[in-house]
Amino acid sequence: MLFRNCAGGVVFSKDKVLILKNEKGEWVLPKGVIRKGNVSVEIAKDRVKKEAGVDAEVVSPAGETSYEFFSISRQKPVCNQITWFIMETNDEDTEINKEEGFTVGGFFPIDEAIDKITYSQDKSLVRLSYRKYKRLCEECV
């Protein structure tokens, strides 16, 4: 099995979260593989920018998830281990990167986004991250 370390962002703009629809029709969060010499927090910021055109700042760590799949191109199972970061932006303008395999995306109200998101662990991640984000925002006021 091939193990890959990845990083991604759960990006909030007030009471909305950024989600993307990939070419398989899955609603997902922006993420990418950490290459040698790179830092997870920078990969998360870079992927949010590259996949959605959004500049966002990291607020806090969000946690980790993992999933396995069979790679047809590699002809072997792959395990992606993802470190997530809670991020925020004040600009909800997006430029969805179709060359990266995304068809649409944007900022959606939390409940609507959770309904759209394909995978249950991503739904849970958004719910927990939003609670933590709101708590952190209250502490800053």
N, C-alpha and C. Protein backbone atom coordinates (compact mmCIF):
# COMPACT_ATOMS: atom_id res chain seq x y z
N MET A 1 0.85 -1.18 0.00
CA MET A 1 0.00 0.00 0.00
C MET A 1 0.89 1.24 0.00
N LEU A 2 0.48 2.23 -0.78
CA LEU A 2 1.17 3.51 -0.83
C LEU A 2 0.53 4.45 0.19
N PHE A 3 1.34 5.01 1.09
CA PHE A 3 0.84 5.98 2.06
C PHE A 3 1.24 7.37 1.61
N ARG A 4 0.25 8.30 1.60
CA ARG A 4 0.52 9.68 1.21
C ARG A 4 0.05 10.62 2.31
N ASN A 5 0.93 11.54 2.72
CA ASN A 5 0.56 12.59 3.65
C ASN A 5 0.03 13.76 2.86
N CYS A 6 -1.12 14.26 3.30
CA CYS A 6 -1.79 15.35 2.60
C CYS A 6 -2.16 16.44 3.61
N ALA A 7 -2.56 17.58 3.09
CA ALA A 7 -3.04 18.67 3.94
C ALA A 7 -4.17 19.38 3.21
N GLY A 8 -5.12 19.91 3.99
CA GLY A 8 -6.25 20.59 3.38
C GLY A 8 -6.83 21.66 4.29
N GLY A 9 -7.76 22.42 3.72
CA GLY A 9 -8.36 23.52 4.46
C GLY A 9 -9.87 23.43 4.54
N VAL A 10 -10.38 23.73 5.73
CA VAL A 10 -11.82 23.90 5.94
C VAL A 10 -11.97 25.42 6.05
N VAL A 11 -12.37 26.04 4.93
CA VAL A 11 -12.31 27.50 4.80
C VAL A 11 -13.69 28.11 5.06
N PHE A 12 -13.73 29.00 6.05
CA PHE A 12 -14.96 29.68 6.41
C PHE A 12 -14.93 31.15 6.00
N SER A 13 -16.07 31.64 5.63
CA SER A 13 -16.31 33.07 5.45
C SER A 13 -17.60 33.35 6.19
N LYS A 14 -17.47 33.88 7.38
CA LYS A 14 -18.59 34.08 8.29
C LYS A 14 -19.30 32.74 8.52
N ASP A 15 -20.56 32.61 8.08
CA ASP A 15 -21.33 31.39 8.32
C ASP A 15 -21.43 30.51 7.08
N LYS A 16 -20.41 30.58 6.23
CA LYS A 16 -20.36 29.75 5.02
C LYS A 16 -19.03 29.01 4.98
N VAL A 17 -19.03 27.88 4.25
CA VAL A 17 -17.81 27.08 4.10
C VAL A 17 -17.58 26.79 2.62
N LEU A 18 -16.32 26.72 2.24
CA LEU A 18 -15.92 26.46 0.86
C LEU A 18 -15.94 24.96 0.58
N ILE A 19 -16.67 24.57 -0.48
CA ILE A 19 -16.65 23.18 -0.94
C ILE A 19 -16.52 23.20 -2.47
N LEU A 20 -16.00 22.09 -3.00
CA LEU A 20 -15.76 21.96 -4.43
C LEU A 20 -16.37 20.66 -4.94
N LYS A 21 -16.84 20.71 -6.18
CA LYS A 21 -17.37 19.49 -6.81
C LYS A 21 -16.34 19.02 -7.83
N ASN A 22 -15.87 17.77 -7.65
CA ASN A 22 -14.85 17.26 -8.58
C ASN A 22 -15.50 16.60 -9.80
N GLU A 23 -14.65 16.17 -10.72
CA GLU A 23 -15.16 15.60 -11.98
C GLU A 23 -15.90 14.28 -11.80
N LYS A 24 -15.78 13.66 -10.61
CA LYS A 24 -16.54 12.44 -10.32
C LYS A 24 -17.92 12.78 -9.76
N GLY A 25 -18.20 14.08 -9.57
CA GLY A 25 -19.47 14.51 -9.01
C GLY A 25 -19.49 14.52 -7.49
N GLU A 26 -18.31 14.39 -6.87
CA GLU A 26 -18.20 14.37 -5.41
C GLU A 26 -17.96 15.80 -4.89
N TRP A 27 -18.68 16.16 -3.83
CA TRP A 27 -18.45 17.44 -3.16
C TRP A 27 -17.40 17.22 -2.07
N VAL A 28 -16.29 17.96 -2.16
CA VAL A 28 -15.14 17.73 -1.29
C VAL A 28 -14.57 19.06 -0.79
N LEU A 29 -13.58 18.94 0.08
CA LEU A 29 -12.83 20.08 0.60
C LEU A 29 -11.49 20.15 -0.13
N PRO A 30 -10.91 21.34 -0.27
CA PRO A 30 -9.61 21.44 -0.95
C PRO A 30 -8.48 20.79 -0.14
N LYS A 31 -7.65 20.01 -0.86
CA LYS A 31 -6.54 19.31 -0.20
C LYS A 31 -5.53 18.89 -1.24
N GLY A 32 -4.31 18.54 -0.77
CA GLY A 32 -3.29 18.08 -1.68
C GLY A 32 -2.19 17.32 -0.97
N VAL A 33 -1.37 16.64 -1.74
CA VAL A 33 -0.27 15.83 -1.22
C VAL A 33 0.87 16.73 -0.77
N ILE A 34 1.47 16.38 0.37
CA ILE A 34 2.63 17.09 0.88
C ILE A 34 3.87 16.48 0.23
N ARG A 35 4.59 17.26 -0.52
CA ARG A 35 5.83 16.80 -1.16
C ARG A 35 7.01 17.04 -0.24
N LYS A 36 8.12 16.40 -0.51
CA LYS A 36 9.33 16.55 0.32
C LYS A 36 9.70 18.02 0.48
N GLY A 37 10.02 18.38 1.72
CA GLY A 37 10.46 19.74 2.00
C GLY A 37 9.35 20.74 2.21
N ASN A 38 8.10 20.33 2.02
CA ASN A 38 6.98 21.24 2.22
C ASN A 38 6.37 21.05 3.60
N VAL A 39 5.70 22.09 4.07
CA VAL A 39 5.06 22.09 5.38
C VAL A 39 3.55 21.99 5.18
N SER A 40 2.89 21.19 6.02
CA SER A 40 1.46 20.92 5.83
C SER A 40 0.61 22.20 5.78
N VAL A 41 0.90 23.15 6.65
CA VAL A 41 0.09 24.38 6.67
C VAL A 41 0.22 25.15 5.35
N GLU A 42 1.41 25.14 4.77
CA GLU A 42 1.61 25.83 3.50
C GLU A 42 0.91 25.10 2.36
N ILE A 43 0.94 23.77 2.39
CA ILE A 43 0.24 22.98 1.37
C ILE A 43 -1.26 23.27 1.43
N ALA A 44 -1.82 23.33 2.64
CA ALA A 44 -3.25 23.61 2.79
C ALA A 44 -3.59 24.97 2.16
N LYS A 45 -2.82 25.99 2.48
CA LYS A 45 -3.06 27.33 1.92
C LYS A 45 -2.90 27.32 0.40
N ASP A 46 -1.86 26.64 -0.09
CA ASP A 46 -1.61 26.58 -1.53
C ASP A 46 -2.73 25.87 -2.27
N ARG A 47 -3.24 24.76 -1.71
CA ARG A 47 -4.30 24.02 -2.39
C ARG A 47 -5.60 24.81 -2.43
N VAL A 48 -5.90 25.53 -1.36
CA VAL A 48 -7.11 26.37 -1.34
C VAL A 48 -7.00 27.43 -2.45
N LYS A 49 -5.82 28.01 -2.58
CA LYS A 49 -5.58 29.03 -3.62
C LYS A 49 -5.63 28.40 -5.01
N LYS A 50 -4.95 27.26 -5.19
CA LYS A 50 -4.86 26.63 -6.51
C LYS A 50 -6.20 26.05 -6.98
N GLU A 51 -6.93 25.42 -6.07
CA GLU A 51 -8.17 24.74 -6.46
C GLU A 51 -9.36 25.68 -6.54
N ALA A 52 -9.38 26.71 -5.69
CA ALA A 52 -10.57 27.58 -5.64
C ALA A 52 -10.27 29.06 -5.87
N GLY A 53 -8.98 29.43 -5.95
CA GLY A 53 -8.64 30.83 -6.16
C GLY A 53 -8.88 31.70 -4.94
N VAL A 54 -8.88 31.08 -3.76
CA VAL A 54 -9.20 31.80 -2.53
C VAL A 54 -7.94 31.98 -1.67
N ASP A 55 -7.69 33.21 -1.25
CA ASP A 55 -6.64 33.50 -0.28
C ASP A 55 -7.26 33.38 1.11
N ALA A 56 -6.73 32.49 1.92
CA ALA A 56 -7.28 32.27 3.26
C ALA A 56 -6.14 32.15 4.26
N GLU A 57 -6.43 32.53 5.49
CA GLU A 57 -5.45 32.45 6.58
C GLU A 57 -5.82 31.33 7.53
N VAL A 58 -4.82 30.65 8.04
CA VAL A 58 -5.04 29.56 8.99
C VAL A 58 -5.40 30.14 10.35
N VAL A 59 -6.47 29.61 10.94
CA VAL A 59 -6.94 30.02 12.25
C VAL A 59 -6.49 29.03 13.33
N SER A 60 -6.56 27.73 12.96
CA SER A 60 -6.30 26.69 13.95
C SER A 60 -6.18 25.34 13.25
N PRO A 61 -5.50 24.38 13.87
CA PRO A 61 -5.58 23.01 13.35
C PRO A 61 -7.02 22.49 13.50
N ALA A 62 -7.43 21.62 12.59
CA ALA A 62 -8.79 21.07 12.65
C ALA A 62 -8.81 19.60 12.99
N GLY A 63 -7.71 18.89 12.74
CA GLY A 63 -7.68 17.46 13.00
C GLY A 63 -7.15 16.70 11.81
N GLU A 64 -7.34 15.39 11.85
CA GLU A 64 -6.84 14.52 10.79
C GLU A 64 -7.91 13.53 10.37
N THR A 65 -7.87 13.16 9.10
CA THR A 65 -8.71 12.09 8.58
C THR A 65 -7.84 11.21 7.68
N SER A 66 -8.35 10.05 7.33
CA SER A 66 -7.66 9.21 6.36
C SER A 66 -8.69 8.38 5.60
N TYR A 67 -8.30 8.00 4.40
CA TYR A 67 -9.15 7.10 3.63
C TYR A 67 -8.28 6.30 2.66
N GLU A 68 -8.81 5.16 2.25
CA GLU A 68 -8.09 4.27 1.34
C GLU A 68 -8.89 4.12 0.06
N PHE A 69 -8.15 3.91 -1.04
CA PHE A 69 -8.77 3.65 -2.33
C PHE A 69 -7.79 2.87 -3.19
N PHE A 70 -8.29 2.28 -4.26
CA PHE A 70 -7.42 1.56 -5.18
C PHE A 70 -7.10 2.46 -6.35
N SER A 71 -5.82 2.72 -6.57
CA SER A 71 -5.38 3.57 -7.67
C SER A 71 -5.25 2.74 -8.94
N ILE A 72 -6.07 3.05 -9.91
CA ILE A 72 -6.04 2.32 -11.18
C ILE A 72 -4.72 2.61 -11.90
N SER A 73 -4.26 3.87 -11.87
CA SER A 73 -3.02 4.22 -12.58
C SER A 73 -1.79 3.56 -11.94
N ARG A 74 -1.80 3.41 -10.61
CA ARG A 74 -0.66 2.80 -9.91
C ARG A 74 -0.83 1.29 -9.72
N GLN A 75 -2.05 0.82 -9.92
CA GLN A 75 -2.38 -0.59 -9.73
C GLN A 75 -2.05 -1.08 -8.32
N LYS A 76 -2.37 -0.22 -7.33
CA LYS A 76 -2.17 -0.62 -5.93
C LYS A 76 -3.05 0.24 -5.02
N PRO A 77 -3.30 -0.25 -3.80
CA PRO A 77 -4.08 0.54 -2.85
C PRO A 77 -3.27 1.74 -2.35
N VAL A 78 -4.01 2.83 -2.06
CA VAL A 78 -3.40 4.07 -1.57
C VAL A 78 -4.14 4.48 -0.30
N CYS A 79 -3.39 4.96 0.68
CA CYS A 79 -3.98 5.53 1.90
C CYS A 79 -3.57 6.99 1.99
N ASN A 80 -4.54 7.88 1.91
CA ASN A 80 -4.30 9.31 2.10
C ASN A 80 -4.55 9.67 3.56
N GLN A 81 -3.55 10.23 4.21
CA GLN A 81 -3.68 10.71 5.58
C GLN A 81 -3.63 12.24 5.51
N ILE A 82 -4.72 12.89 5.92
CA ILE A 82 -4.86 14.34 5.71
C ILE A 82 -4.86 15.09 7.03
N THR A 83 -4.00 16.09 7.11
CA THR A 83 -3.99 17.04 8.22
C THR A 83 -4.80 18.25 7.76
N TRP A 84 -5.83 18.59 8.54
CA TRP A 84 -6.75 19.67 8.17
C TRP A 84 -6.50 20.91 9.02
N PHE A 85 -6.76 22.06 8.41
CA PHE A 85 -6.65 23.35 9.10
C PHE A 85 -7.93 24.15 8.92
N ILE A 86 -8.36 24.78 10.02
CA ILE A 86 -9.47 25.72 9.95
C ILE A 86 -8.89 27.02 9.39
N MET A 87 -9.53 27.54 8.34
CA MET A 87 -9.06 28.75 7.69
C MET A 87 -10.21 29.72 7.54
N GLU A 88 -9.86 30.99 7.32
CA GLU A 88 -10.91 31.99 7.09
C GLU A 88 -10.49 32.98 6.03
N THR A 89 -11.51 33.56 5.39
CA THR A 89 -11.32 34.59 4.39
C THR A 89 -12.49 35.55 4.47
N ASN A 90 -12.27 36.76 4.02
CA ASN A 90 -13.36 37.75 3.96
C ASN A 90 -13.88 37.89 2.54
N ASP A 91 -13.26 37.20 1.60
CA ASP A 91 -13.60 37.33 0.18
C ASP A 91 -14.18 36.00 -0.31
N GLU A 92 -15.45 36.00 -0.67
CA GLU A 92 -16.12 34.78 -1.13
C GLU A 92 -16.02 34.56 -2.63
N ASP A 93 -15.25 35.41 -3.33
CA ASP A 93 -15.05 35.20 -4.76
C ASP A 93 -14.18 33.97 -4.98
N THR A 94 -14.57 33.14 -5.92
CA THR A 94 -13.79 31.93 -6.22
C THR A 94 -13.45 31.88 -7.69
N GLU A 95 -12.37 31.20 -8.00
CA GLU A 95 -12.00 30.87 -9.38
C GLU A 95 -11.72 29.37 -9.37
N ILE A 96 -12.76 28.59 -9.66
CA ILE A 96 -12.65 27.13 -9.60
C ILE A 96 -11.73 26.65 -10.72
N ASN A 97 -10.73 25.86 -10.35
CA ASN A 97 -9.71 25.41 -11.28
C ASN A 97 -10.16 24.12 -11.98
N LYS A 98 -10.66 24.28 -13.18
CA LYS A 98 -11.15 23.12 -13.93
C LYS A 98 -10.00 22.21 -14.38
N GLU A 99 -8.80 22.77 -14.54
CA GLU A 99 -7.64 21.95 -14.91
C GLU A 99 -7.25 20.99 -13.78
N GLU A 100 -7.64 21.32 -12.55
CA GLU A 100 -7.37 20.45 -11.40
C GLU A 100 -8.49 19.42 -11.20
N GLY A 101 -9.48 19.44 -12.11
CA GLY A 101 -10.54 18.44 -12.06
C GLY A 101 -11.79 18.86 -11.31
N PHE A 102 -11.97 20.16 -11.07
CA PHE A 102 -13.16 20.63 -10.38
C PHE A 102 -14.12 21.27 -11.37
N THR A 103 -15.42 21.06 -11.15
CA THR A 103 -16.41 21.57 -12.08
C THR A 103 -17.09 22.83 -11.57
N VAL A 104 -17.39 22.85 -10.27
CA VAL A 104 -18.01 24.02 -9.64
C VAL A 104 -17.57 24.05 -8.18
N GLY A 105 -17.95 25.11 -7.51
CA GLY A 105 -17.64 25.23 -6.09
C GLY A 105 -17.96 26.62 -5.61
N GLY A 106 -17.80 26.82 -4.31
CA GLY A 106 -18.05 28.13 -3.74
C GLY A 106 -18.32 28.01 -2.25
N PHE A 107 -18.76 29.14 -1.70
CA PHE A 107 -19.09 29.19 -0.27
C PHE A 107 -20.58 28.96 -0.11
N PHE A 108 -20.91 27.99 0.74
CA PHE A 108 -22.30 27.64 0.99
C PHE A 108 -22.59 27.74 2.48
N PRO A 109 -23.85 28.09 2.84
CA PRO A 109 -24.22 28.04 4.25
C PRO A 109 -23.91 26.65 4.81
N ILE A 110 -23.52 26.59 6.08
CA ILE A 110 -23.02 25.35 6.69
C ILE A 110 -23.97 24.17 6.47
N ASP A 111 -25.25 24.33 6.77
CA ASP A 111 -26.20 23.21 6.64
C ASP A 111 -26.32 22.74 5.19
N GLU A 112 -26.35 23.69 4.26
CA GLU A 112 -26.44 23.34 2.84
C GLU A 112 -25.18 22.60 2.39
N ALA A 113 -24.02 23.08 2.84
CA ALA A 113 -22.75 22.44 2.49
C ALA A 113 -22.69 21.01 3.03
N ILE A 114 -23.10 20.83 4.27
CA ILE A 114 -23.08 19.49 4.88
C ILE A 114 -24.00 18.54 4.11
N ASP A 115 -25.14 19.05 3.65
CA ASP A 115 -26.04 18.22 2.83
C ASP A 115 -25.37 17.82 1.51
N LYS A 116 -24.59 18.72 0.92
CA LYS A 116 -23.96 18.46 -0.37
C LYS A 116 -22.73 17.55 -0.26
N ILE A 117 -21.94 17.72 0.79
CA ILE A 117 -20.67 17.01 0.92
C ILE A 117 -20.89 15.50 0.79
N THR A 118 -20.05 14.87 -0.01
CA THR A 118 -20.22 13.46 -0.35
C THR A 118 -19.87 12.51 0.80
N TYR A 119 -18.75 12.73 1.46
CA TYR A 119 -18.24 11.76 2.44
C TYR A 119 -18.57 12.14 3.87
N SER A 120 -19.01 11.13 4.65
CA SER A 120 -19.46 11.38 6.02
C SER A 120 -18.36 11.95 6.91
N GLN A 121 -17.11 11.51 6.73
CA GLN A 121 -16.06 12.06 7.59
C GLN A 121 -15.80 13.53 7.26
N ASP A 122 -16.01 13.95 6.01
CA ASP A 122 -15.87 15.37 5.66
C ASP A 122 -17.03 16.17 6.26
N LYS A 123 -18.23 15.57 6.27
CA LYS A 123 -19.37 16.23 6.90
C LYS A 123 -19.08 16.48 8.38
N SER A 124 -18.58 15.45 9.07
CA SER A 124 -18.24 15.58 10.49
C SER A 124 -17.14 16.60 10.71
N LEU A 125 -16.14 16.59 9.84
CA LEU A 125 -15.04 17.55 9.94
C LEU A 125 -15.55 18.98 9.84
N VAL A 126 -16.46 19.23 8.92
CA VAL A 126 -17.01 20.59 8.76
C VAL A 126 -17.82 20.98 9.99
N ARG A 127 -18.65 20.06 10.49
CA ARG A 127 -19.45 20.35 11.70
C ARG A 127 -18.56 20.71 12.88
N LEU A 128 -17.57 19.87 13.17
CA LEU A 128 -16.67 20.11 14.30
C LEU A 128 -15.81 21.35 14.10
N SER A 129 -15.34 21.55 12.89
CA SER A 129 -14.50 22.72 12.60
C SER A 129 -15.31 24.01 12.74
N TYR A 130 -16.57 23.98 12.32
CA TYR A 130 -17.40 25.18 12.42
C TYR A 130 -17.65 25.54 13.88
N ARG A 131 -17.91 24.54 14.72
CA ARG A 131 -18.09 24.81 16.16
C ARG A 131 -16.83 25.44 16.74
N LYS A 132 -15.68 24.87 16.41
CA LYS A 132 -14.41 25.39 16.92
C LYS A 132 -14.15 26.80 16.37
N TYR A 133 -14.44 27.01 15.10
CA TYR A 133 -14.25 28.33 14.47
C TYR A 133 -15.12 29.38 15.16
N LYS A 134 -16.38 29.06 15.42
CA LYS A 134 -17.27 30.02 16.10
C LYS A 134 -16.77 30.33 17.50
N ARG A 135 -16.30 29.31 18.20
CA ARG A 135 -15.75 29.49 19.56
C ARG A 135 -14.51 30.40 19.51
N LEU A 136 -13.64 30.16 18.56
CA LEU A 136 -12.44 30.99 18.41
C LEU A 136 -12.80 32.43 18.05
N CYS A 137 -13.82 32.61 17.22
CA CYS A 137 -14.26 33.96 16.84
C CYS A 137 -14.82 34.72 18.04
N GLU A 138 -15.55 34.02 18.90
CA GLU A 138 -16.11 34.65 20.10
C GLU A 138 -15.01 35.09 21.04
N GLU A 139 -13.94 34.30 21.14
CA GLU A 139 -12.82 34.64 22.01
C GLU A 139 -12.06 35.85 21.51
N CYS A 140 -12.12 36.11 20.20
CA CYS A 140 -11.37 37.24 19.63
C CYS A 140 -12.10 38.57 19.78
N VAL A 141 -13.41 38.50 20.02
CA VAL A 141 -14.22 39.74 20.11
C VAL A 141 -14.03 40.43 21.42
